[in-house]
N, C-alpha and C. Protein backbone atom coordinates (compact mmCIF):
# COMPACT_ATOMS: atom_id res chain seq x y z
N MET A 1 -2.78 79.66 -35.86
CA MET A 1 -2.31 78.41 -36.21
C MET A 1 -3.05 78.58 -37.87
N PRO A 2 -2.58 78.16 -38.63
CA PRO A 2 -3.31 77.86 -39.75
C PRO A 2 -4.65 77.01 -40.11
N LEU A 3 -5.37 77.53 -41.62
CA LEU A 3 -6.61 76.86 -41.47
C LEU A 3 -6.06 74.66 -41.76
N GLN A 4 -6.98 74.50 -41.20
CA GLN A 4 -6.54 73.71 -41.61
C GLN A 4 -7.15 72.63 -42.93
N ASN A 5 -6.27 72.27 -43.64
CA ASN A 5 -6.62 70.95 -45.34
C ASN A 5 -6.36 72.70 -46.51
N PHE A 6 -5.98 73.74 -45.62
CA PHE A 6 -5.86 74.82 -46.41
C PHE A 6 -4.78 74.10 -48.29
N GLY A 7 -5.16 75.09 -49.18
CA GLY A 7 -4.71 74.51 -49.81
C GLY A 7 -5.29 75.77 -51.63
N THR A 8 -4.22 76.15 -52.45
CA THR A 8 -4.65 77.00 -53.82
C THR A 8 -5.19 75.65 -54.91
N VAL A 9 -6.61 76.05 -55.41
CA VAL A 9 -6.94 74.71 -56.29
C VAL A 9 -6.44 75.55 -57.74
N ALA A 10 -6.82 77.22 -57.82
CA ALA A 10 -6.60 77.98 -59.31
C ALA A 10 -6.21 79.29 -58.32
N GLN A 11 -6.27 80.14 -59.26
CA GLN A 11 -5.33 81.30 -59.40
C GLN A 11 -6.60 82.26 -58.60
N GLY A 12 -6.63 82.37 -57.72
CA GLY A 12 -7.78 83.08 -56.96
C GLY A 12 -8.86 82.47 -56.40
N PHE A 13 -8.28 81.12 -56.20
CA PHE A 13 -9.41 80.11 -55.38
C PHE A 13 -9.03 79.14 -54.46
N THR A 14 -8.27 79.08 -53.53
CA THR A 14 -9.14 78.68 -52.26
C THR A 14 -9.42 77.58 -51.77
N ARG A 15 -8.97 76.66 -50.56
CA ARG A 15 -9.93 75.33 -50.25
C ARG A 15 -9.81 75.81 -48.72
N SER A 16 -10.54 74.99 -47.75
CA SER A 16 -9.69 74.66 -46.23
C SER A 16 -11.01 73.93 -45.34
N ALA A 17 -10.77 73.71 -44.38
CA ALA A 17 -11.63 73.47 -43.14
C ALA A 17 -12.24 74.55 -43.02
N GLN A 18 -13.55 74.29 -42.73
CA GLN A 18 -14.02 75.64 -41.78
C GLN A 18 -14.06 76.36 -40.99
N PRO A 19 -13.35 77.52 -40.90
CA PRO A 19 -13.03 78.73 -40.33
C PRO A 19 -13.78 78.77 -38.88
N ARG A 20 -12.23 78.95 -37.49
CA ARG A 20 -13.56 78.81 -36.45
C ARG A 20 -13.33 79.68 -36.02
N ASP A 21 -12.53 80.69 -36.66
CA ASP A 21 -12.13 81.70 -35.25
C ASP A 21 -11.90 83.01 -35.83
N ALA A 22 -11.56 84.00 -35.79
CA ALA A 22 -11.61 85.50 -35.79
C ALA A 22 -10.15 85.60 -36.42
N GLY A 23 -9.42 84.68 -36.27
CA GLY A 23 -7.94 84.42 -36.96
C GLY A 23 -7.86 83.86 -38.90
N ASP A 24 -9.22 83.03 -38.43
CA ASP A 24 -8.73 82.34 -39.47
C ASP A 24 -10.00 82.94 -40.37
N TYR A 25 -11.24 83.82 -39.98
CA TYR A 25 -11.27 84.88 -41.45
C TYR A 25 -10.75 85.97 -41.77
N ALA A 26 -9.78 86.47 -40.93
CA ALA A 26 -9.01 87.83 -41.01
C ALA A 26 -7.89 87.18 -41.96
N GLN A 27 -7.32 85.73 -41.91
CA GLN A 27 -6.49 85.08 -42.54
C GLN A 27 -6.87 85.19 -44.12
N LEU A 28 -8.34 85.26 -43.89
CA LEU A 28 -8.70 84.73 -46.04
C LEU A 28 -9.04 86.10 -46.33
N ALA A 29 -9.27 87.06 -45.35
CA ALA A 29 -9.99 88.48 -45.65
C ALA A 29 -8.47 89.20 -46.29
N LEU A 30 -7.38 88.82 -45.31
CA LEU A 30 -6.07 89.43 -45.87
C LEU A 30 -5.60 88.76 -46.59
N ILE A 31 -5.82 87.59 -47.42
CA ILE A 31 -5.28 87.39 -49.13
C ILE A 31 -6.19 87.35 -49.68
N GLY A 32 -7.64 88.47 -49.73
CA GLY A 32 -8.33 89.26 -50.72
C GLY A 32 -9.52 88.29 -50.93
N VAL A 33 -10.01 87.70 -49.98
CA VAL A 33 -11.00 86.64 -50.45
C VAL A 33 -12.09 87.15 -50.71
N THR A 34 -13.27 87.32 -51.52
CA THR A 34 -13.94 88.33 -51.77
C THR A 34 -15.64 87.55 -51.52
N ARG A 35 -15.54 86.39 -52.16
CA ARG A 35 -16.62 84.81 -51.60
C ARG A 35 -16.52 84.00 -51.06
N ILE A 36 -16.93 83.90 -49.91
CA ILE A 36 -17.18 82.35 -49.66
C ILE A 36 -18.30 81.42 -49.95
N TYR A 37 -17.93 80.52 -50.45
CA TYR A 37 -18.52 78.96 -50.46
C TYR A 37 -18.72 78.18 -49.75
N LYS A 38 -19.88 77.97 -48.34
CA LYS A 38 -19.37 77.52 -47.04
C LYS A 38 -20.76 75.90 -47.93
N LEU A 39 -20.10 75.08 -47.73
CA LEU A 39 -20.55 74.05 -47.99
C LEU A 39 -21.41 73.04 -47.49
N ASP A 40 -21.40 72.91 -46.22
CA ASP A 40 -22.37 72.37 -45.25
C ASP A 40 -22.97 73.56 -44.25
N LYS A 41 -24.21 72.68 -43.52
CA LYS A 41 -24.73 73.57 -43.44
C LYS A 41 -24.60 74.38 -41.23
N ASN A 42 -23.27 73.74 -41.37
CA ASN A 42 -22.43 73.78 -39.67
C ASN A 42 -22.28 75.22 -39.93
N SER A 43 -22.83 75.91 -39.16
CA SER A 43 -23.08 77.38 -38.59
C SER A 43 -22.27 77.64 -37.13
N GLU A 44 -21.90 76.58 -36.23
CA GLU A 44 -21.55 76.93 -34.93
C GLU A 44 -20.54 77.77 -34.58
N TYR A 45 -19.91 77.60 -35.51
CA TYR A 45 -17.74 79.03 -36.03
C TYR A 45 -17.87 80.14 -36.78
N SER A 46 -19.34 80.10 -37.53
CA SER A 46 -19.03 81.03 -38.73
C SER A 46 -20.25 82.02 -38.62
N ASP A 47 -21.16 82.04 -38.44
CA ASP A 47 -22.48 83.19 -39.26
C ASP A 47 -21.68 84.26 -38.46
N ALA A 48 -21.42 84.40 -37.09
CA ALA A 48 -21.20 86.30 -36.86
C ALA A 48 -20.00 86.40 -37.33
N LEU A 49 -18.73 85.46 -37.23
CA LEU A 49 -17.67 85.91 -37.85
C LEU A 49 -17.77 86.22 -39.47
N GLU A 50 -18.76 85.38 -40.02
CA GLU A 50 -18.53 85.59 -41.30
C GLU A 50 -19.57 87.21 -41.61
N SER A 51 -20.06 87.16 -40.74
CA SER A 51 -20.91 88.43 -41.43
C SER A 51 -19.75 89.68 -41.02
N LYS A 52 -18.78 89.64 -39.85
CA LYS A 52 -18.06 90.47 -39.69
C LYS A 52 -17.23 90.86 -41.00
N TYR A 53 -16.87 89.47 -41.00
CA TYR A 53 -15.29 90.04 -42.20
C TYR A 53 -16.35 90.04 -43.87
N PHE A 54 -17.07 89.01 -44.03
CA PHE A 54 -17.75 89.09 -45.05
C PHE A 54 -18.81 89.61 -45.15
N PRO A 55 -19.22 90.99 -45.66
CA PRO A 55 -20.89 91.52 -45.57
C PRO A 55 -21.86 90.64 -46.41
N SER A 56 -23.12 91.61 -46.42
CA SER A 56 -24.32 90.57 -46.61
C SER A 56 -23.39 90.41 -48.71
N GLY A 57 -24.14 89.27 -48.67
CA GLY A 57 -24.04 88.69 -49.83
C GLY A 57 -22.40 88.01 -50.61
N ARG A 58 -21.64 88.28 -50.25
CA ARG A 58 -20.51 87.75 -49.64
C ARG A 58 -19.11 86.40 -49.64
N VAL A 59 -21.10 85.82 -48.69
CA VAL A 59 -21.34 84.15 -48.59
C VAL A 59 -21.88 83.70 -48.77
N ILE A 60 -21.85 82.51 -49.61
CA ILE A 60 -22.68 81.85 -50.27
C ILE A 60 -22.95 80.63 -50.17
N ASP A 61 -24.30 80.40 -49.72
CA ASP A 61 -24.29 79.16 -48.53
C ASP A 61 -24.79 78.11 -49.82
N SER A 62 -23.82 77.15 -49.76
CA SER A 62 -24.15 76.17 -51.42
C SER A 62 -24.07 75.06 -51.30
N THR A 63 -25.14 74.57 -49.99
CA THR A 63 -25.02 73.16 -48.72
C THR A 63 -24.91 72.24 -50.22
N VAL A 64 -23.62 70.94 -50.06
CA VAL A 64 -23.73 69.86 -50.81
C VAL A 64 -24.01 68.26 -50.51
N SER A 65 -24.91 68.26 -50.83
CA SER A 65 -25.62 66.60 -50.07
C SER A 65 -25.12 65.84 -49.78
N GLN A 66 -24.82 65.65 -48.75
CA GLN A 66 -23.85 64.42 -48.09
C GLN A 66 -23.73 62.67 -48.64
N LEU A 67 -24.23 61.96 -48.91
CA LEU A 67 -23.92 60.91 -50.25
C LEU A 67 -23.94 60.77 -50.97
N PHE A 68 -24.93 61.57 -51.57
CA PHE A 68 -25.42 60.91 -52.82
C PHE A 68 -25.38 62.84 -53.28
N PRO A 69 -24.65 63.49 -53.42
CA PRO A 69 -24.89 64.69 -54.25
C PRO A 69 -25.32 64.79 -55.93
N PRO A 70 -26.32 65.76 -56.23
CA PRO A 70 -26.54 65.51 -57.35
C PRO A 70 -25.81 66.23 -58.02
N ALA A 71 -25.60 65.61 -59.72
CA ALA A 71 -24.43 66.51 -60.45
C ALA A 71 -24.81 67.27 -61.09
N ASP A 72 -26.23 68.16 -60.77
CA ASP A 72 -26.51 69.44 -61.89
C ASP A 72 -26.24 70.53 -60.04
N GLN A 73 -26.37 69.79 -58.88
CA GLN A 73 -26.04 71.04 -57.86
C GLN A 73 -24.46 70.73 -57.96
N VAL A 74 -23.61 69.72 -58.09
CA VAL A 74 -22.23 69.84 -58.04
C VAL A 74 -21.78 71.11 -59.15
N ARG A 75 -22.37 70.96 -60.35
CA ARG A 75 -22.04 71.67 -61.60
C ARG A 75 -22.15 73.21 -61.38
N SER A 76 -23.75 73.79 -60.74
CA SER A 76 -23.95 74.45 -60.94
C SER A 76 -22.75 75.76 -59.51
N ILE A 77 -22.57 74.87 -58.74
CA ILE A 77 -21.40 75.59 -57.34
C ILE A 77 -20.34 75.66 -58.37
N ALA A 78 -20.12 74.52 -59.02
CA ALA A 78 -18.73 75.22 -59.72
C ALA A 78 -18.95 76.20 -60.80
N SER A 79 -19.44 76.16 -61.22
CA SER A 79 -20.10 77.09 -62.64
C SER A 79 -20.06 78.89 -61.65
N SER A 80 -20.92 78.43 -60.25
CA SER A 80 -20.79 80.17 -59.24
C SER A 80 -19.24 80.48 -59.24
N ILE A 81 -18.77 79.46 -59.02
CA ILE A 81 -17.08 80.08 -58.57
C ILE A 81 -16.53 80.67 -60.04
N ASN A 82 -17.03 79.66 -60.59
CA ASN A 82 -16.10 80.32 -62.36
C ASN A 82 -16.10 81.50 -62.66
N SER A 83 -17.52 81.61 -62.70
CA SER A 83 -18.08 83.00 -62.77
C SER A 83 -17.55 84.32 -61.92
N ASN A 84 -17.41 83.96 -59.94
CA ASN A 84 -16.92 84.85 -59.55
C ASN A 84 -15.47 85.50 -60.03
N LEU A 85 -14.50 83.97 -60.54
CA LEU A 85 -12.75 83.78 -60.83
C LEU A 85 -13.68 84.62 -61.88
N THR A 86 -13.98 84.20 -62.75
CA THR A 86 -13.65 84.48 -63.74
C THR A 86 -13.54 86.59 -63.31
N SER A 87 -14.53 86.82 -63.02
CA SER A 87 -14.92 88.36 -62.60
C SER A 87 -13.67 89.01 -61.91
N GLY A 88 -12.94 88.20 -61.53
CA GLY A 88 -11.60 88.69 -61.31
C GLY A 88 -11.77 88.71 -59.81
N LEU A 89 -13.43 88.16 -59.18
CA LEU A 89 -13.31 88.00 -57.40
C LEU A 89 -12.47 86.61 -57.01
N ARG A 90 -11.63 86.71 -55.46
CA ARG A 90 -10.85 85.75 -55.30
C ARG A 90 -11.93 84.70 -53.78
N VAL A 91 -12.07 83.68 -54.24
CA VAL A 91 -12.91 82.51 -53.62
C VAL A 91 -12.74 81.88 -53.23
N HIS A 92 -13.55 81.61 -52.01
CA HIS A 92 -12.27 80.33 -51.26
C HIS A 92 -13.56 79.24 -50.69
N ALA A 93 -13.22 78.64 -50.61
CA ALA A 93 -14.20 76.94 -50.68
C ALA A 93 -14.39 76.20 -49.11
N HIS A 94 -15.47 76.03 -48.63
CA HIS A 94 -15.22 75.05 -47.77
C HIS A 94 -16.33 74.37 -46.87
N CYS A 95 -15.90 73.33 -46.08
CA CYS A 95 -16.35 72.38 -45.50
C CYS A 95 -16.62 71.99 -44.01
N VAL A 96 -17.09 70.91 -43.69
CA VAL A 96 -16.17 71.19 -41.24
C VAL A 96 -15.16 71.06 -42.10
N HIS A 97 -14.41 69.60 -42.82
CA HIS A 97 -13.66 69.59 -42.48
C HIS A 97 -11.95 69.70 -44.11
N GLY A 98 -12.96 70.46 -44.86
CA GLY A 98 -12.58 70.47 -46.03
C GLY A 98 -11.91 69.45 -46.64
N THR A 99 -12.51 68.55 -46.75
CA THR A 99 -11.96 67.25 -47.04
C THR A 99 -13.24 66.62 -48.62
N ASP A 100 -13.82 66.21 -47.86
CA ASP A 100 -15.14 65.67 -48.82
C ASP A 100 -16.14 66.33 -49.76
N ARG A 101 -17.23 67.28 -49.15
CA ARG A 101 -17.46 68.28 -49.83
C ARG A 101 -16.51 69.19 -50.45
N THR A 102 -15.69 69.92 -49.80
CA THR A 102 -14.43 70.73 -50.57
C THR A 102 -13.63 70.20 -51.96
N GLY A 103 -13.59 68.67 -51.31
CA GLY A 103 -12.83 67.83 -52.62
C GLY A 103 -13.62 67.36 -53.78
N LEU A 104 -14.96 67.44 -53.41
CA LEU A 104 -15.70 67.53 -54.39
C LEU A 104 -15.61 68.74 -55.68
N ILE A 105 -16.22 69.58 -54.90
CA ILE A 105 -16.31 70.57 -55.58
C ILE A 105 -15.14 71.39 -56.60
N CYS A 106 -14.08 71.29 -55.17
CA CYS A 106 -12.16 71.70 -56.09
C CYS A 106 -12.61 70.50 -57.68
N ALA A 107 -12.57 69.60 -56.71
CA ALA A 107 -12.16 68.64 -58.07
C ALA A 107 -12.92 68.58 -59.37
N ALA A 108 -14.39 69.01 -59.04
CA ALA A 108 -15.40 68.90 -60.33
C ALA A 108 -15.33 70.25 -61.09
N TYR A 109 -14.89 71.88 -59.93
CA TYR A 109 -13.99 72.75 -60.71
C TYR A 109 -13.33 72.59 -61.28
N GLN A 110 -12.04 71.92 -61.10
CA GLN A 110 -10.81 71.56 -62.06
C GLN A 110 -11.73 70.78 -63.41
N ILE A 111 -12.40 70.08 -63.13
CA ILE A 111 -12.46 68.96 -64.86
C ILE A 111 -12.97 69.74 -65.47
N LEU A 112 -14.26 70.67 -64.94
CA LEU A 112 -15.33 71.24 -65.78
C LEU A 112 -14.39 72.82 -66.27
N TYR A 113 -13.48 73.54 -65.34
CA TYR A 113 -12.77 74.49 -66.20
C TYR A 113 -11.72 74.91 -66.21
N GLN A 114 -10.50 74.00 -66.02
CA GLN A 114 -8.99 73.86 -65.96
C GLN A 114 -9.11 72.32 -67.00
N GLY A 115 -9.57 71.60 -67.74
CA GLY A 115 -9.64 70.37 -68.44
C GLY A 115 -8.37 69.61 -67.81
N MET A 116 -8.98 69.47 -66.55
CA MET A 116 -7.77 68.44 -65.80
C MET A 116 -8.56 67.33 -65.07
N SER A 117 -8.33 66.17 -65.66
CA SER A 117 -8.78 64.87 -65.69
C SER A 117 -8.69 63.87 -64.58
N VAL A 118 -10.15 63.46 -64.74
CA VAL A 118 -10.76 62.85 -63.10
C VAL A 118 -9.70 62.46 -62.12
N SER A 119 -8.82 61.60 -63.14
CA SER A 119 -7.69 61.09 -62.23
C SER A 119 -6.94 61.67 -61.15
N ALA A 120 -6.43 63.01 -62.04
CA ALA A 120 -5.57 63.95 -61.94
C ALA A 120 -6.14 64.49 -60.54
N ALA A 121 -7.63 64.79 -60.64
CA ALA A 121 -8.43 65.63 -60.14
C ALA A 121 -8.27 64.76 -58.39
N LEU A 122 -8.83 63.46 -58.64
CA LEU A 122 -9.30 62.95 -57.58
C LEU A 122 -7.88 62.66 -56.77
N GLU A 123 -6.80 62.69 -57.86
CA GLU A 123 -5.42 62.28 -57.05
C GLU A 123 -5.19 63.60 -55.83
N GLN A 124 -5.49 65.15 -56.54
CA GLN A 124 -4.89 65.95 -55.79
C GLN A 124 -6.24 65.86 -54.84
N ARG A 125 -7.16 64.98 -54.80
CA ARG A 125 -8.17 65.67 -53.47
C ARG A 125 -7.74 64.77 -52.85
N SER A 126 -6.99 63.40 -52.78
CA SER A 126 -7.68 62.89 -51.84
C SER A 126 -5.43 63.08 -51.07
N GLU A 127 -5.01 63.78 -51.26
CA GLU A 127 -3.64 64.83 -50.91
C GLU A 127 -4.73 65.70 -49.32
N PHE A 128 -5.69 65.52 -49.32
CA PHE A 128 -6.67 66.37 -48.37
C PHE A 128 -7.24 65.50 -47.54
N GLY A 129 -7.41 64.30 -48.30
CA GLY A 129 -6.99 63.26 -47.08
C GLY A 129 -9.23 63.61 -47.08
N THR A 130 -9.61 62.57 -46.36
CA THR A 130 -11.15 62.31 -46.36
C THR A 130 -11.85 61.92 -44.70
N THR A 131 -12.42 62.19 -44.69
CA THR A 131 -13.35 61.69 -42.88
C THR A 131 -14.20 60.71 -43.08
N TRP A 132 -15.09 60.88 -42.12
CA TRP A 132 -15.66 59.66 -42.26
C TRP A 132 -16.36 59.13 -43.84
N TYR A 133 -16.59 60.02 -44.44
CA TYR A 133 -17.51 59.83 -45.84
C TYR A 133 -16.53 59.09 -47.16
N GLY A 134 -15.23 58.60 -45.89
CA GLY A 134 -14.28 58.29 -46.72
C GLY A 134 -13.92 56.91 -47.27
N ASP A 135 -15.54 56.29 -47.29
CA ASP A 135 -16.01 55.02 -47.58
C ASP A 135 -16.64 54.45 -49.02
N LEU A 136 -16.37 53.49 -49.16
CA LEU A 136 -16.04 52.47 -50.87
C LEU A 136 -17.43 53.03 -51.07
N LEU A 137 -18.44 53.90 -50.03
CA LEU A 137 -20.07 53.74 -51.33
C LEU A 137 -19.72 55.58 -51.53
N TRP A 138 -19.45 56.21 -51.09
CA TRP A 138 -18.57 57.59 -51.00
C TRP A 138 -17.90 57.40 -52.03
N ASP A 139 -17.00 57.12 -51.68
CA ASP A 139 -15.88 57.47 -53.58
C ASP A 139 -16.47 56.40 -54.57
N HIS A 140 -17.45 55.66 -54.93
CA HIS A 140 -17.21 55.13 -55.54
C HIS A 140 -18.49 55.71 -56.63
N ASN A 141 -19.51 56.72 -55.17
CA ASN A 141 -20.52 57.34 -56.06
C ASN A 141 -19.91 59.26 -56.58
N ILE A 142 -18.50 59.58 -55.72
CA ILE A 142 -17.72 60.87 -56.00
C ILE A 142 -17.24 60.56 -57.58
N VAL A 143 -16.66 59.54 -57.60
CA VAL A 143 -15.99 58.99 -58.55
C VAL A 143 -16.92 59.09 -59.69
N SER A 144 -17.76 58.77 -59.39
CA SER A 144 -19.07 58.43 -60.65
C SER A 144 -19.60 59.76 -61.03
N LEU A 145 -19.77 60.23 -60.41
CA LEU A 145 -20.10 61.58 -60.24
C LEU A 145 -19.31 63.08 -61.24
N LEU A 146 -18.13 62.48 -61.13
CA LEU A 146 -16.44 63.57 -61.55
C LEU A 146 -16.37 62.91 -62.92
N HIS A 147 -16.75 61.42 -63.06
CA HIS A 147 -16.70 61.03 -64.22
C HIS A 147 -17.86 61.07 -65.28
N SER A 148 -19.17 61.71 -64.77
CA SER A 148 -20.04 61.70 -65.56
C SER A 148 -19.90 63.73 -66.53
N LEU A 149 -19.20 64.55 -65.43
CA LEU A 149 -18.91 65.97 -65.70
C LEU A 149 -17.48 65.71 -66.70
N GLY A 150 -17.02 64.68 -66.62
CA GLY A 150 -15.39 65.03 -67.49
C GLY A 150 -15.69 64.46 -68.92
């Protein structure tokens, strides 16, 4: 079964929900992913498999605050992704469901480094859905944060 919420953000940059088994990590390795941005602390599935498929230094723990992520943290993660892409590395970002935190970071990257409008980035983010954070407070915070970046 393919990774849940898998998609391409930009050339060399993919996204999904938490990889859950060896097949998921093998799929990422097969498409050439060399850096993984882990956007939450959930390691239920990942620690042993990540170290098998992506040795030390290739998994970047970039936990995003749940309800009120600071703009400087979001900007820093997007900048790190851009640096890796500029260096020719293939990157992949994920959180548990591949929606809220992942959608935020992908939208921030697109706004900051691809010149995408906030509305277009939000539209693309919504294609992957939202989870329990998909309430008015979360959405208001994310829209405000993305406008502050653009």
